[in-house]
């Protein structure tokens, strides 16, 4: 049986999906963008601000499922342009414990929701 995971500490979904689904100790987190959960406004003054907000949103969803970044086994990063790769990579890495980094791919796409520059999804195992 699957369990829906939603928290007020991450932005409410902007479409027909949930923040995350827990199934058999595996947490599937929907792609997160830089929406501030309190105001639902984008925190997109810079790619640095965007990435920090995305990682905070992911952290809060993991916490709601009683997990943290050490539980993450797979992540996918979508960028509007590969020119953001180094900044996003540095900030993303700062949230992870050395030696505990998950498998990952980073993909440049034409457009992301609300025209953001970064979106990240994750899979975690308890």
PDB file of N, CA and C in Angstrom:
ATOM      1  N   UNK A   1       0.842  -1.185   0.000  1.00  0.00           N
ATOM      2  CA  UNK A   1       0.000   0.000   0.000  1.00  0.00           C
ATOM      3  C   UNK A   1       0.884   1.245   0.000  1.00  0.00           C
ATOM      4  N   UNK A   2       0.501   2.230  -0.769  1.00  0.00           N
ATOM      5  CA  UNK A   2       1.294   3.448  -0.814  1.00  0.00           C
ATOM      6  C   UNK A   2       0.755   4.477   0.176  1.00  0.00           C
ATOM      7  N   UNK A   3       1.667   5.297   0.679  1.00  0.00           N
ATOM      8  CA  UNK A   3       1.317   6.365   1.618  1.00  0.00           C
ATOM      9  C   UNK A   3       1.701   7.697   0.981  1.00  0.00           C
ATOM     10  N   UNK A   4       0.774   8.630   0.983  1.00  0.00           N
ATOM     11  CA  UNK A   4       1.029   9.965   0.457  1.00  0.00           C
ATOM     12  C   UNK A   4       1.764  10.775   1.519  1.00  0.00           C
ATOM     13  N   UNK A   5       2.845  11.428   1.099  1.00  0.00           N
ATOM     14  CA  UNK A   5       3.629  12.285   1.987  1.00  0.00           C
ATOM     15  C   UNK A   5       3.480  13.724   1.502  1.00  0.00           C
ATOM     16  N   UNK A   6       2.939  14.566   2.347  1.00  0.00           N
ATOM     17  CA  UNK A   6       2.841  15.999   2.078  1.00  0.00           C
ATOM     18  C   UNK A   6       3.164  16.741   3.366  1.00  0.00           C
ATOM     19  N   UNK A   7       3.830  17.874   3.248  1.00  0.00           N
ATOM     20  CA  UNK A   7       4.145  18.701   4.398  1.00  0.00           C
ATOM     21  C   UNK A   7       3.916  20.166   4.045  1.00  0.00           C
ATOM     22  N   UNK A   8       3.503  20.931   5.029  1.00  0.00           N
ATOM     23  CA  UNK A   8       3.335  22.376   4.816  1.00  0.00           C
ATOM     24  C   UNK A   8       4.689  23.075   4.740  1.00  0.00           C
ATOM     25  N   UNK A   9       5.769  22.348   5.053  1.00  0.00           N
ATOM     26  CA  UNK A   9       7.117  22.916   5.022  1.00  0.00           C
ATOM     27  C   UNK A   9       7.767  22.818   3.645  1.00  0.00           C
ATOM     28  N   UNK A  10       7.005  22.376   2.675  1.00  0.00           N
ATOM     29  CA  UNK A  10       7.423  22.371   1.269  1.00  0.00           C
ATOM     30  C   UNK A  10       6.238  22.897   0.468  1.00  0.00           C
ATOM     31  N   UNK A  11       6.493  23.399  -0.724  1.00  0.00           N
ATOM     32  CA  UNK A  11       5.391  23.987  -1.492  1.00  0.00           C
ATOM     33  C   UNK A  11       4.305  22.979  -1.843  1.00  0.00           C
ATOM     34  N   UNK A  12       3.088  23.440  -1.790  1.00  0.00           N
ATOM     35  CA  UNK A  12       1.953  22.620  -2.207  1.00  0.00           C
ATOM     36  C   UNK A  12       2.101  22.309  -3.695  1.00  0.00           C
ATOM     37  N   UNK A  13       1.712  21.128  -4.111  1.00  0.00           N
ATOM     38  CA  UNK A  13       1.788  20.784  -5.541  1.00  0.00           C
ATOM     39  C   UNK A  13       1.014  21.788  -6.400  1.00  0.00           C
ATOM     40  N   UNK A  14       1.571  22.071  -7.581  1.00  0.00           N
ATOM     41  CA  UNK A  14       0.923  23.018  -8.494  1.00  0.00           C
ATOM     42  C   UNK A  14       0.195  22.274  -9.615  1.00  0.00           C
ATOM     43  N   UNK A  15      -0.029  20.979  -9.416  1.00  0.00           N
ATOM     44  CA  UNK A  15      -0.729  20.156 -10.397  1.00  0.00           C
ATOM     45  C   UNK A  15      -1.279  18.915  -9.719  1.00  0.00           C
ATOM     46  N   UNK A  16      -1.757  17.963 -10.500  1.00  0.00           N
ATOM     47  CA  UNK A  16      -2.348  16.748  -9.934  1.00  0.00           C
ATOM     48  C   UNK A  16      -1.287  15.713  -9.541  1.00  0.00           C
ATOM     49  N   UNK A  17      -0.577  16.013  -8.479  1.00  0.00           N
ATOM     50  CA  UNK A  17       0.444  15.114  -7.940  1.00  0.00           C
ATOM     51  C   UNK A  17       0.627  15.413  -6.459  1.00  0.00           C
ATOM     52  N   UNK A  18       1.388  14.569  -5.772  1.00  0.00           N
ATOM     53  CA  UNK A  18       1.726  14.776  -4.364  1.00  0.00           C
ATOM     54  C   UNK A  18       3.208  15.093  -4.255  1.00  0.00           C
ATOM     55  N   UNK A  19       3.591  15.658  -3.109  1.00  0.00           N
ATOM     56  CA  UNK A  19       5.008  15.951  -2.903  1.00  0.00           C
ATOM     57  C   UNK A  19       5.835  14.676  -2.958  1.00  0.00           C
ATOM     58  N   UNK A  20       5.309  13.609  -2.354  1.00  0.00           N
ATOM     59  CA  UNK A  20       6.042  12.342  -2.364  1.00  0.00           C
ATOM     60  C   UNK A  20       5.089  11.182  -2.105  1.00  0.00           C
ATOM     61  N   UNK A  21       5.537  10.002  -2.499  1.00  0.00           N
ATOM     62  CA  UNK A  21       4.813   8.764  -2.242  1.00  0.00           C
ATOM     63  C   UNK A  21       5.794   7.788  -1.586  1.00  0.00           C
ATOM     64  N   UNK A  22       5.357   7.192  -0.475  1.00  0.00           N
ATOM     65  CA  UNK A  22       6.132   6.169   0.210  1.00  0.00           C
ATOM     66  C   UNK A  22       5.522   4.813  -0.099  1.00  0.00           C
ATOM     67  N   UNK A  23       6.335   3.908  -0.635  1.00  0.00           N
ATOM     68  CA  UNK A  23       5.875   2.558  -0.980  1.00  0.00           C
ATOM     69  C   UNK A  23       6.970   1.577  -0.573  1.00  0.00           C
ATOM     70  N   UNK A  24       6.624   0.664   0.364  1.00  0.00           N
ATOM     71  CA  UNK A  24       7.580  -0.360   0.797  1.00  0.00           C
ATOM     72  C   UNK A  24       8.939   0.227   1.183  1.00  0.00           C
ATOM     73  N   UNK A  25       8.950   1.248   2.008  1.00  0.00           N
ATOM     74  CA  UNK A  25      10.181   1.905   2.489  1.00  0.00           C
ATOM     75  C   UNK A  25      10.939   2.669   1.412  1.00  0.00           C
ATOM     76  N   UNK A  26      10.344   2.834   0.230  1.00  0.00           N
ATOM     77  CA  UNK A  26      10.960   3.633  -0.831  1.00  0.00           C
ATOM     78  C   UNK A  26      10.145   4.911  -0.993  1.00  0.00           C
ATOM     79  N   UNK A  27      10.832   6.047  -0.900  1.00  0.00           N
ATOM     80  CA  UNK A  27      10.191   7.355  -1.025  1.00  0.00           C
ATOM     81  C   UNK A  27      10.505   7.931  -2.397  1.00  0.00           C
ATOM     82  N   UNK A  28       9.466   8.236  -3.157  1.00  0.00           N
ATOM     83  CA  UNK A  28       9.589   8.854  -4.473  1.00  0.00           C
ATOM     84  C   UNK A  28       9.164  10.318  -4.322  1.00  0.00           C
ATOM     85  N   UNK A  29      10.124  11.229  -4.431  1.00  0.00           N
ATOM     86  CA  UNK A  29       9.832  12.658  -4.252  1.00  0.00           C
ATOM     87  C   UNK A  29       9.658  13.314  -5.615  1.00  0.00           C
ATOM     88  N   UNK A  30       8.546  13.991  -5.784  1.00  0.00           N
ATOM     89  CA  UNK A  30       8.286  14.732  -7.016  1.00  0.00           C
ATOM     90  C   UNK A  30       9.312  15.836  -7.193  1.00  0.00           C
ATOM     91  N   UNK A  31       9.524  16.231  -8.436  1.00  0.00           N
ATOM     92  CA  UNK A  31      10.450  17.316  -8.727  1.00  0.00           C
ATOM     93  C   UNK A  31      10.073  18.570  -7.960  1.00  0.00           C
ATOM     94  N   UNK A  32      11.078  19.164  -7.338  1.00  0.00           N
ATOM     95  CA  UNK A  32      10.874  20.376  -6.565  1.00  0.00           C
ATOM     96  C   UNK A  32      11.524  21.552  -7.272  1.00  0.00           C
ATOM     97  N   UNK A  33      10.814  22.666  -7.279  1.00  0.00           N
ATOM     98  CA  UNK A  33      11.341  23.923  -7.810  1.00  0.00           C
ATOM     99  C   UNK A  33      11.451  24.904  -6.661  1.00  0.00           C
ATOM    100  N   UNK A  34      11.899  26.099  -6.946  1.00  0.00           N
ATOM    101  CA  UNK A  34      12.229  27.073  -5.918  1.00  0.00           C
ATOM    102  C   UNK A  34      11.032  27.867  -5.393  1.00  0.00           C
ATOM    103  N   UNK A  35       9.935  27.180  -5.144  1.00  0.00           N
ATOM    104  CA  UNK A  35       8.782  27.842  -4.532  1.00  0.00           C
ATOM    105  C   UNK A  35       8.971  27.891  -3.025  1.00  0.00           C
ATOM    106  N   UNK A  36       8.767  29.055  -2.450  1.00  0.00           N
ATOM    107  CA  UNK A  36       8.779  29.200  -0.998  1.00  0.00           C
ATOM    108  C   UNK A  36       7.470  28.622  -0.470  1.00  0.00           C
ATOM    109  N   UNK A  37       7.518  27.679   0.472  1.00  0.00           N
ATOM    110  CA  UNK A  37       6.285  27.026   0.922  1.00  0.00           C
ATOM    111  C   UNK A  37       5.311  27.952   1.646  1.00  0.00           C
ATOM    112  N   UNK A  38       5.808  29.021   2.254  1.00  0.00           N
ATOM    113  CA  UNK A  38       4.929  29.944   2.984  1.00  0.00           C
ATOM    114  C   UNK A  38       4.165  30.874   2.055  1.00  0.00           C
ATOM    115  N   UNK A  39       4.871  31.445   1.084  1.00  0.00           N
ATOM    116  CA  UNK A  39       4.245  32.436   0.200  1.00  0.00           C
ATOM    117  C   UNK A  39       3.830  31.854  -1.147  1.00  0.00           C
ATOM    118  N   UNK A  40       4.395  30.687  -1.505  1.00  0.00           N
ATOM    119  CA  UNK A  40       4.226  30.084  -2.835  1.00  0.00           C
ATOM    120  C   UNK A  40       4.750  31.007  -3.939  1.00  0.00           C
ATOM    121  N   UNK A  41       5.671  31.901  -3.576  1.00  0.00           N
ATOM    122  CA  UNK A  41       6.369  32.732  -4.547  1.00  0.00           C
ATOM    123  C   UNK A  41       7.699  32.085  -4.880  1.00  0.00           C
ATOM    124  N   UNK A  42       8.187  32.320  -6.087  1.00  0.00           N
ATOM    125  CA  UNK A  42       9.476  31.784  -6.480  1.00  0.00           C
ATOM    126  C   UNK A  42      10.607  32.518  -5.782  1.00  0.00           C
ATOM    127  N   UNK A  43      11.573  31.768  -5.313  1.00  0.00           N
ATOM    128  CA  UNK A  43      12.796  32.321  -4.744  1.00  0.00           C
ATOM    129  C   UNK A  43      13.858  32.167  -5.828  1.00  0.00           C
ATOM    130  N   UNK A  44      13.809  33.062  -6.807  1.00  0.00           N
ATOM    131  CA  UNK A  44      14.648  32.903  -7.990  1.00  0.00           C
ATOM    132  C   UNK A  44      15.450  34.154  -8.342  1.00  0.00           C
ATOM    133  N   UNK A  45      15.978  34.813  -7.316  1.00  0.00           N
ATOM    134  CA  UNK A  45      16.830  35.973  -7.583  1.00  0.00           C
ATOM    135  C   UNK A  45      18.134  35.579  -8.266  1.00  0.00           C
ATOM    136  N   UNK A  46      18.585  34.343  -8.020  1.00  0.00           N
ATOM    137  CA  UNK A  46      19.798  33.822  -8.641  1.00  0.00           C
ATOM    138  C   UNK A  46      19.705  32.305  -8.661  1.00  0.00           C
ATOM    139  N   UNK A  47      20.571  31.669  -9.430  1.00  0.00           N
ATOM    140  CA  UNK A  47      20.589  30.209  -9.448  1.00  0.00           C
ATOM    141  C   UNK A  47      20.982  29.673  -8.077  1.00  0.00           C
ATOM    142  N   UNK A  48      21.766  30.425  -7.339  1.00  0.00           N
ATOM    143  CA  UNK A  48      22.168  30.024  -5.981  1.00  0.00           C
ATOM    144  C   UNK A  48      20.950  30.013  -5.066  1.00  0.00           C
ATOM    145  N   UNK A  49      20.158  31.080  -5.090  1.00  0.00           N
ATOM    146  CA  UNK A  49      18.932  31.132  -4.279  1.00  0.00           C
ATOM    147  C   UNK A  49      17.965  30.022  -4.684  1.00  0.00           C
ATOM    148  N   UNK A  50      17.812  29.830  -5.987  1.00  0.00           N
ATOM    149  CA  UNK A  50      16.899  28.789  -6.479  1.00  0.00           C
ATOM    150  C   UNK A  50      17.309  27.412  -5.967  1.00  0.00           C
ATOM    151  N   UNK A  51      18.578  27.103  -6.091  1.00  0.00           N
ATOM    152  CA  UNK A  51      19.048  25.771  -5.710  1.00  0.00           C
ATOM    153  C   UNK A  51      18.917  25.540  -4.212  1.00  0.00           C
ATOM    154  N   UNK A  52      19.259  26.543  -3.412  1.00  0.00           N
ATOM    155  CA  UNK A  52      19.087  26.404  -1.952  1.00  0.00           C
ATOM    156  C   UNK A  52      17.617  26.154  -1.607  1.00  0.00           C
ATOM    157  N   UNK A  53      16.700  26.874  -2.243  1.00  0.00           N
ATOM    158  CA  UNK A  53      15.279  26.692  -1.948  1.00  0.00           C
ATOM    159  C   UNK A  53      14.823  25.289  -2.343  1.00  0.00           C
ATOM    160  N   UNK A  54      15.264  24.811  -3.489  1.00  0.00           N
ATOM    161  CA  UNK A  54      14.915  23.459  -3.924  1.00  0.00           C
ATOM    162  C   UNK A  54      15.420  22.433  -2.906  1.00  0.00           C
ATOM    163  N   UNK A  55      16.659  22.579  -2.475  1.00  0.00           N
ATOM    164  CA  UNK A  55      17.235  21.619  -1.525  1.00  0.00           C
ATOM    165  C   UNK A  55      16.528  21.695  -0.170  1.00  0.00           C
ATOM    166  N   UNK A  56      16.127  22.879   0.254  1.00  0.00           N
ATOM    167  CA  UNK A  56      15.362  23.008   1.505  1.00  0.00           C
ATOM    168  C   UNK A  56      14.008  22.313   1.376  1.00  0.00           C
ATOM    169  N   UNK A  57      13.367  22.477   0.239  1.00  0.00           N
ATOM    170  CA  UNK A  57      12.080  21.817   0.015  1.00  0.00           C
ATOM    171  C   UNK A  57      12.246  20.299   0.066  1.00  0.00           C
ATOM    172  N   UNK A  58      13.272  19.787  -0.585  1.00  0.00           N
ATOM    173  CA  UNK A  58      13.540  18.349  -0.566  1.00  0.00           C
ATOM    174  C   UNK A  58      13.844  17.868   0.854  1.00  0.00           C
ATOM    175  N   UNK A  59      14.648  18.631   1.575  1.00  0.00           N
ATOM    176  CA  UNK A  59      14.995  18.279   2.959  1.00  0.00           C
ATOM    177  C   UNK A  59      13.748  18.175   3.824  1.00  0.00           C
ATOM    178  N   UNK A  60      12.824  19.101   3.647  1.00  0.00           N
ATOM    179  CA  UNK A  60      11.601  19.101   4.453  1.00  0.00           C
ATOM    180  C   UNK A  60      10.668  17.942   4.093  1.00  0.00           C
ATOM    181  N   UNK A  61      10.632  17.565   2.838  1.00  0.00           N
ATOM    182  CA  UNK A  61       9.827  16.400   2.445  1.00  0.00           C
ATOM    183  C   UNK A  61      10.453  15.128   3.010  1.00  0.00           C
ATOM    184  N   UNK A  62      11.761  15.008   2.918  1.00  0.00           N
ATOM    185  CA  UNK A  62      12.450  13.861   3.516  1.00  0.00           C
ATOM    186  C   UNK A  62      12.162  13.788   5.016  1.00  0.00           C
ATOM    187  N   UNK A  63      12.225  14.923   5.698  1.00  0.00           N
ATOM    188  CA  UNK A  63      11.978  14.955   7.147  1.00  0.00           C
ATOM    189  C   UNK A  63      10.561  14.496   7.476  1.00  0.00           C
ATOM    190  N   UNK A  64       9.603  14.885   6.660  1.00  0.00           N
ATOM    191  CA  UNK A  64       8.214  14.465   6.882  1.00  0.00           C
ATOM    192  C   UNK A  64       8.087  12.938   6.811  1.00  0.00           C
ATOM    193  N   UNK A  65       8.930  12.328   5.986  1.00  0.00           N
ATOM    194  CA  UNK A  65       8.939  10.865   5.858  1.00  0.00           C
ATOM    195  C   UNK A  65       9.927  10.223   6.837  1.00  0.00           C
ATOM    196  N   UNK A  66      10.455  11.029   7.766  1.00  0.00           N
ATOM    197  CA  UNK A  66      11.428  10.562   8.765  1.00  0.00           C
ATOM    198  C   UNK A  66      12.700  10.036   8.110  1.00  0.00           C
ATOM    199  N   UNK A  67      13.162  10.783   7.117  1.00  0.00           N
ATOM    200  CA  UNK A  67      14.397  10.479   6.409  1.00  0.00           C
ATOM    201  C   UNK A  67      15.215  11.752   6.278  1.00  0.00           C
ATOM    202  N   UNK A  68      16.428  11.600   5.732  1.00  0.00           N
ATOM    203  CA  UNK A  68      17.254  12.757   5.396  1.00  0.00           C
ATOM    204  C   UNK A  68      18.051  12.438   4.140  1.00  0.00           C
ATOM    205  N   UNK A  69      18.967  13.319   3.768  1.00  0.00           N
ATOM    206  CA  UNK A  69      19.695  13.133   2.515  1.00  0.00           C
ATOM    207  C   UNK A  69      20.531  11.854   2.502  1.00  0.00           C
ATOM    208  N   UNK A  70      20.869  11.294   3.659  1.00  0.00           N
ATOM    209  CA  UNK A  70      21.617  10.029   3.699  1.00  0.00           C
ATOM    210  C   UNK A  70      20.784   8.868   3.160  1.00  0.00           C
ATOM    211  N   UNK A  71      19.461   9.020   3.160  1.00  0.00           N
ATOM    212  CA  UNK A  71      18.578   7.974   2.650  1.00  0.00           C
ATOM    213  C   UNK A  71      18.417   8.029   1.130  1.00  0.00           C
ATOM    214  N   UNK A  72      18.838   9.100   0.510  1.00  0.00           N
ATOM    215  CA  UNK A  72      18.634   9.292  -0.928  1.00  0.00           C
ATOM    216  C   UNK A  72      19.583   8.382  -1.715  1.00  0.00           C
ATOM    217  N   UNK A  73      19.020   7.600  -2.624  1.00  0.00           N
ATOM    218  CA  UNK A  73      19.820   6.699  -3.454  1.00  0.00           C
ATOM    219  C   UNK A  73      19.885   7.155  -4.913  1.00  0.00           C
ATOM    220  N   UNK A  74      18.982   8.048  -5.306  1.00  0.00           N
ATOM    221  CA  UNK A  74      18.927   8.495  -6.701  1.00  0.00           C
ATOM    222  C   UNK A  74      18.343   9.889  -6.767  1.00  0.00           C
ATOM    223  N   UNK A  75      18.956  10.736  -7.556  1.00  0.00           N
ATOM    224  CA  UNK A  75      18.370  12.050  -7.792  1.00  0.00           C
ATOM    225  C   UNK A  75      18.509  12.396  -9.268  1.00  0.00           C
ATOM    226  N   UNK A  76      17.614  13.249  -9.704  1.00  0.00           N
ATOM    227  CA  UNK A  76      17.636  13.753 -11.067  1.00  0.00           C
ATOM    228  C   UNK A  76      17.571  15.266 -11.001  1.00  0.00           C
ATOM    229  N   UNK A  77      18.501  15.909 -11.672  1.00  0.00           N
ATOM    230  CA  UNK A  77      18.538  17.368 -11.722  1.00  0.00           C
ATOM    231  C   UNK A  77      18.232  17.808 -13.149  1.00  0.00           C
ATOM    232  N   UNK A  78      17.250  18.671 -13.256  1.00  0.00           N
ATOM    233  CA  UNK A  78      16.902  19.275 -14.540  1.00  0.00           C
ATOM    234  C   UNK A  78      17.339  20.731 -14.515  1.00  0.00           C
ATOM    235  N   UNK A  79      18.058  21.164 -15.530  1.00  0.00           N
ATOM    236  CA  UNK A  79      18.518  22.553 -15.634  1.00  0.00           C
ATOM    237  C   UNK A  79      17.978  23.184 -16.915  1.00  0.00           C
ATOM    238  N   UNK A  80      17.710  24.470 -16.845  1.00  0.00           N
ATOM    239  CA  UNK A  80      17.282  25.178 -18.050  1.00  0.00           C
ATOM    240  C   UNK A  80      18.468  25.422 -18.984  1.00  0.00           C
ATOM    241  N   UNK A  81      19.684  25.355 -18.427  1.00  0.00           N
ATOM    242  CA  UNK A  81      20.889  25.587 -19.221  1.00  0.00           C
ATOM    243  C   UNK A  81      22.071  24.980 -18.469  1.00  0.00           C
ATOM    244  N   UNK A  82      22.950  24.294 -19.161  1.00  0.00           N
ATOM    245  CA  UNK A  82      24.113  23.678 -18.511  1.00  0.00           C
ATOM    246  C   UNK A  82      25.088  24.713 -17.944  1.00  0.00           C
ATOM    247  N   UNK A  83      24.915  25.975 -18.272  1.00  0.00           N
ATOM    248  CA  UNK A  83      25.787  26.997 -17.694  1.00  0.00           C
ATOM    249  C   UNK A  83      25.606  27.073 -16.167  1.00  0.00           C
ATOM    250  N   UNK A  84      24.499  26.530 -15.655  1.00  0.00           N
ATOM    251  CA  UNK A  84      24.245  26.537 -14.212  1.00  0.00           C
ATOM    252  C   UNK A  84      24.835  25.319 -13.497  1.00  0.00           C
ATOM    253  N   UNK A  85      25.405  24.386 -14.257  1.00  0.00           N
ATOM    254  CA  UNK A  85      25.848  23.115 -13.692  1.00  0.00           C
ATOM    255  C   UNK A  85      26.776  23.281 -12.487  1.00  0.00           C
ATOM    256  N   UNK A  86      27.825  24.089 -12.607  1.00  0.00           N
ATOM    257  CA  UNK A  86      28.801  24.211 -11.523  1.00  0.00           C
ATOM    258  C   UNK A  86      28.189  24.785 -10.252  1.00  0.00           C
ATOM    259  N   UNK A  87      27.392  25.833 -10.368  1.00  0.00           N
ATOM    260  CA  UNK A  87      26.764  26.436  -9.180  1.00  0.00           C
ATOM    261  C   UNK A  87      25.795  25.461  -8.524  1.00  0.00           C
ATOM    262  N   UNK A  88      24.958  24.829  -9.325  1.00  0.00           N
ATOM    263  CA  UNK A  88      23.992  23.866  -8.784  1.00  0.00           C
ATOM    264  C   UNK A  88      24.726  22.689  -8.147  1.00  0.00           C
ATOM    265  N   UNK A  89      25.738  22.187  -8.813  1.00  0.00           N
ATOM    266  CA  UNK A  89      26.505  21.057  -8.306  1.00  0.00           C
ATOM    267  C   UNK A  89      27.133  21.371  -6.944  1.00  0.00           C
ATOM    268  N   UNK A  90      27.687  22.561  -6.805  1.00  0.00           N
ATOM    269  CA  UNK A  90      28.326  22.959  -5.537  1.00  0.00           C
ATOM    270  C   UNK A  90      27.303  23.041  -4.401  1.00  0.00           C
ATOM    271  N   UNK A  91      26.176  23.674  -4.651  1.00  0.00           N
ATOM    272  CA  UNK A  91      25.151  23.827  -3.615  1.00  0.00           C
ATOM    273  C   UNK A  91      24.525  22.472  -3.288  1.00  0.00           C
ATOM    274  N   UNK A  92      24.164  21.717  -4.307  1.00  0.00           N
ATOM    275  CA  UNK A  92      23.598  20.374  -4.122  1.00  0.00           C
ATOM    276  C   UNK A  92      24.537  19.546  -3.245  1.00  0.00           C
ATOM    277  N   UNK A  93      25.805  19.530  -3.583  1.00  0.00           N
ATOM    278  CA  UNK A  93      26.786  18.755  -2.841  1.00  0.00           C
ATOM    279  C   UNK A  93      26.943  19.192  -1.401  1.00  0.00           C
ATOM    280  N   UNK A  94      26.711  20.471  -1.128  1.00  0.00           N
ATOM    281  CA  UNK A  94      26.873  20.979   0.244  1.00  0.00           C
ATOM    282  C   UNK A  94      25.813  20.419   1.199  1.00  0.00           C
ATOM    283  N   UNK A  95      24.730  19.879   0.674  1.00  0.00           N
ATOM    284  CA  UNK A  95      23.667  19.307   1.507  1.00  0.00           C
ATOM    285  C   UNK A  95      23.892  17.808   1.768  1.00  0.00           C
ATOM    286  N   UNK A  96      24.868  17.226   1.091  1.00  0.00           N
ATOM    287  CA  UNK A  96      25.093  15.790   1.177  1.00  0.00           C
ATOM    288  C   UNK A  96      26.333  15.485   2.003  1.00  0.00           C
ATOM    289  N   UNK A  97      26.282  14.377   2.719  1.00  0.00           N
ATOM    290  CA  UNK A  97      27.443  13.927   3.482  1.00  0.00           C
ATOM    291  C   UNK A  97      28.425  13.262   2.527  1.00  0.00           C
ATOM    292  N   UNK A  98      29.696  13.618   2.651  1.00  0.00           N
ATOM    293  CA  UNK A  98      30.720  13.039   1.790  1.00  0.00           C
ATOM    294  C   UNK A  98      30.721  11.523   1.915  1.00  0.00           C
ATOM    295  N   UNK A  99      30.753  10.848   0.798  1.00  0.00           N
ATOM    296  CA  UNK A  99      30.725   9.401   0.772  1.00  0.00           C
ATOM    297  C   UNK A  99      29.324   8.823   0.747  1.00  0.00           C
ATOM    298  N   UNK A 100      28.312   9.672   0.930  1.00  0.00           N
ATOM    299  CA  UNK A 100      26.913   9.215   0.936  1.00  0.00           C
ATOM    300  C   UNK A 100      26.132   9.760  -0.259  1.00  0.00           C
ATOM    301  N   UNK A 101      26.839  10.308  -1.245  1.00  0.00           N
ATOM    302  CA  UNK A 101      26.168  10.901  -2.399  1.00  0.00           C
ATOM    303  C   UNK A 101      25.399   9.828  -3.181  1.00  0.00           C
ATOM    304  N   UNK A 102      24.193  10.169  -3.641  1.00  0.00           N
ATOM    305  CA  UNK A 102      23.393   9.207  -4.409  1.00  0.00           C
ATOM    306  C   UNK A 102      23.839   9.120  -5.867  1.00  0.00           C
ATOM    307  N   UNK A 103      23.321   8.141  -6.571  1.00  0.00           N
ATOM    308  CA  UNK A 103      23.453   8.112  -8.024  1.00  0.00           C
ATOM    309  C   UNK A 103      22.670   9.310  -8.575  1.00  0.00           C
ATOM    310  N   UNK A 104      23.083   9.815  -9.736  1.00  0.00           N
ATOM    311  CA  UNK A 104      22.442  11.033 -10.219  1.00  0.00           C
ATOM    312  C   UNK A 104      22.679  11.213 -11.704  1.00  0.00           C
ATOM    313  N   UNK A 105      21.728  11.911 -12.328  1.00  0.00           N
ATOM    314  CA  UNK A 105      21.966  12.451 -13.659  1.00  0.00           C
ATOM    315  C   UNK A 105      21.522  13.905 -13.653  1.00  0.00           C
ATOM    316  N   UNK A 106      22.150  14.680 -14.536  1.00  0.00           N
ATOM    317  CA  UNK A 106      21.795  16.083 -14.703  1.00  0.00           C
ATOM    318  C   UNK A 106      21.484  16.291 -16.176  1.00  0.00           C
ATOM    319  N   UNK A 107      20.322  16.871 -16.421  1.00  0.00           N
ATOM    320  CA  UNK A 107      19.820  16.995 -17.781  1.00  0.00           C
ATOM    321  C   UNK A 107      19.432  18.446 -18.047  1.00  0.00           C
ATOM    322  N   UNK A 108      19.846  18.975 -19.174  1.00  0.00           N
ATOM    323  CA  UNK A 108      19.388  20.296 -19.603  1.00  0.00           C
ATOM    324  C   UNK A 108      18.132  20.101 -20.450  1.00  0.00           C
ATOM    325  N   UNK A 109      17.114  20.890 -20.151  1.00  0.00           N
ATOM    326  CA  UNK A 109      15.844  20.807 -20.855  1.00  0.00           C
ATOM    327  C   UNK A 109      15.477  22.184 -21.408  1.00  0.00           C
ATOM    328  N   UNK A 110      14.537  22.209 -22.294  1.00  0.00           N
ATOM    329  CA  UNK A 110      14.156  23.477 -22.922  1.00  0.00           C
ATOM    330  C   UNK A 110      13.448  24.410 -21.953  1.00  0.00           C
ATOM    331  N   UNK A 111      12.484  23.891 -21.194  1.00  0.00           N
ATOM    332  CA  UNK A 111      11.699  24.722 -20.283  1.00  0.00           C
ATOM    333  C   UNK A 111      11.309  23.896 -19.067  1.00  0.00           C
ATOM    334  N   UNK A 112      11.290  24.551 -17.913  1.00  0.00           N
ATOM    335  CA  UNK A 112      10.850  23.925 -16.665  1.00  0.00           C
ATOM    336  C   UNK A 112       9.606  24.646 -16.156  1.00  0.00           C
ATOM    337  N   UNK A 113       8.850  24.023 -15.241  1.00  0.00           N
ATOM    338  CA  UNK A 113       7.641  24.664 -14.719  1.00  0.00           C
ATOM    339  C   UNK A 113       7.934  26.077 -14.179  1.00  0.00           C
ATOM    340  N   UNK A 114       7.053  26.975 -14.475  1.00  0.00           N
ATOM    341  CA  UNK A 114       7.133  28.370 -14.025  1.00  0.00           C
ATOM    342  C   UNK A 114       8.429  29.045 -14.491  1.00  0.00           C
ATOM    343  N   UNK A 115       9.041  28.492 -15.543  1.00  0.00           N
ATOM    344  CA  UNK A 115      10.273  29.026 -16.135  1.00  0.00           C
ATOM    345  C   UNK A 115      11.439  29.109 -15.148  1.00  0.00           C
ATOM    346  N   UNK A 116      11.493  28.176 -14.192  1.00  0.00           N
ATOM    347  CA  UNK A 116      12.616  28.143 -13.256  1.00  0.00           C
ATOM    348  C   UNK A 116      13.848  27.608 -13.977  1.00  0.00           C
ATOM    349  N   UNK A 117      14.987  27.674 -13.297  1.00  0.00           N
ATOM    350  CA  UNK A 117      16.236  27.208 -13.884  1.00  0.00           C
ATOM    351  C   UNK A 117      16.693  25.851 -13.373  1.00  0.00           C
ATOM    352  N   UNK A 118      16.091  25.384 -12.255  1.00  0.00           N
ATOM    353  CA  UNK A 118      16.492  24.092 -11.698  1.00  0.00           C
ATOM    354  C   UNK A 118      15.285  23.399 -11.078  1.00  0.00           C
ATOM    355  N   UNK A 119      15.207  22.090 -11.293  1.00  0.00           N
ATOM    356  CA  UNK A 119      14.209  21.232 -10.657  1.00  0.00           C
ATOM    357  C   UNK A 119      14.930  19.943 -10.280  1.00  0.00           C
ATOM    358  N   UNK A 120      14.678  19.445  -9.073  1.00  0.00           N
ATOM    359  CA  UNK A 120      15.332  18.226  -8.611  1.00  0.00           C
ATOM    360  C   UNK A 120      14.290  17.269  -8.033  1.00  0.00           C
ATOM    361  N   UNK A 121      14.381  15.997  -8.434  1.00  0.00           N
ATOM    362  CA  UNK A 121      13.570  14.942  -7.850  1.00  0.00           C
ATOM    363  C   UNK A 121      14.515  13.940  -7.195  1.00  0.00           C
ATOM    364  N   UNK A 122      13.974  13.148  -6.257  1.00  0.00           N
ATOM    365  CA  UNK A 122      14.799  12.183  -5.524  1.00  0.00           C
ATOM    366  C   UNK A 122      14.029  10.903  -5.221  1.00  0.00           C
ATOM    367  N   UNK A 123      14.792   9.838  -5.042  1.00  0.00           N
ATOM    368  CA  UNK A 123      14.278   8.564  -4.530  1.00  0.00           C
ATOM    369  C   UNK A 123      15.121   8.235  -3.302  1.00  0.00           C
ATOM    370  N   UNK A 124      14.443   7.916  -2.209  1.00  0.00           N
ATOM    371  CA  UNK A 124      15.139   7.588  -0.957  1.00  0.00           C
ATOM    372  C   UNK A 124      14.620   6.259  -0.424  1.00  0.00           C
ATOM    373  N   UNK A 125      15.465   5.560   0.315  1.00  0.00           N
ATOM    374  CA  UNK A 125      15.089   4.273   0.914  1.00  0.00           C
ATOM    375  C   UNK A 125      15.335   4.346   2.409  1.00  0.00           C
ATOM    376  N   UNK A 126      14.334   3.894   3.162  1.00  0.00           N
ATOM    377  CA  UNK A 126      14.431   3.892   4.619  1.00  0.00           C
ATOM    378  C   UNK A 126      15.095   2.618   5.095  1.00  0.00           C
TER     379      UNK A 126
END
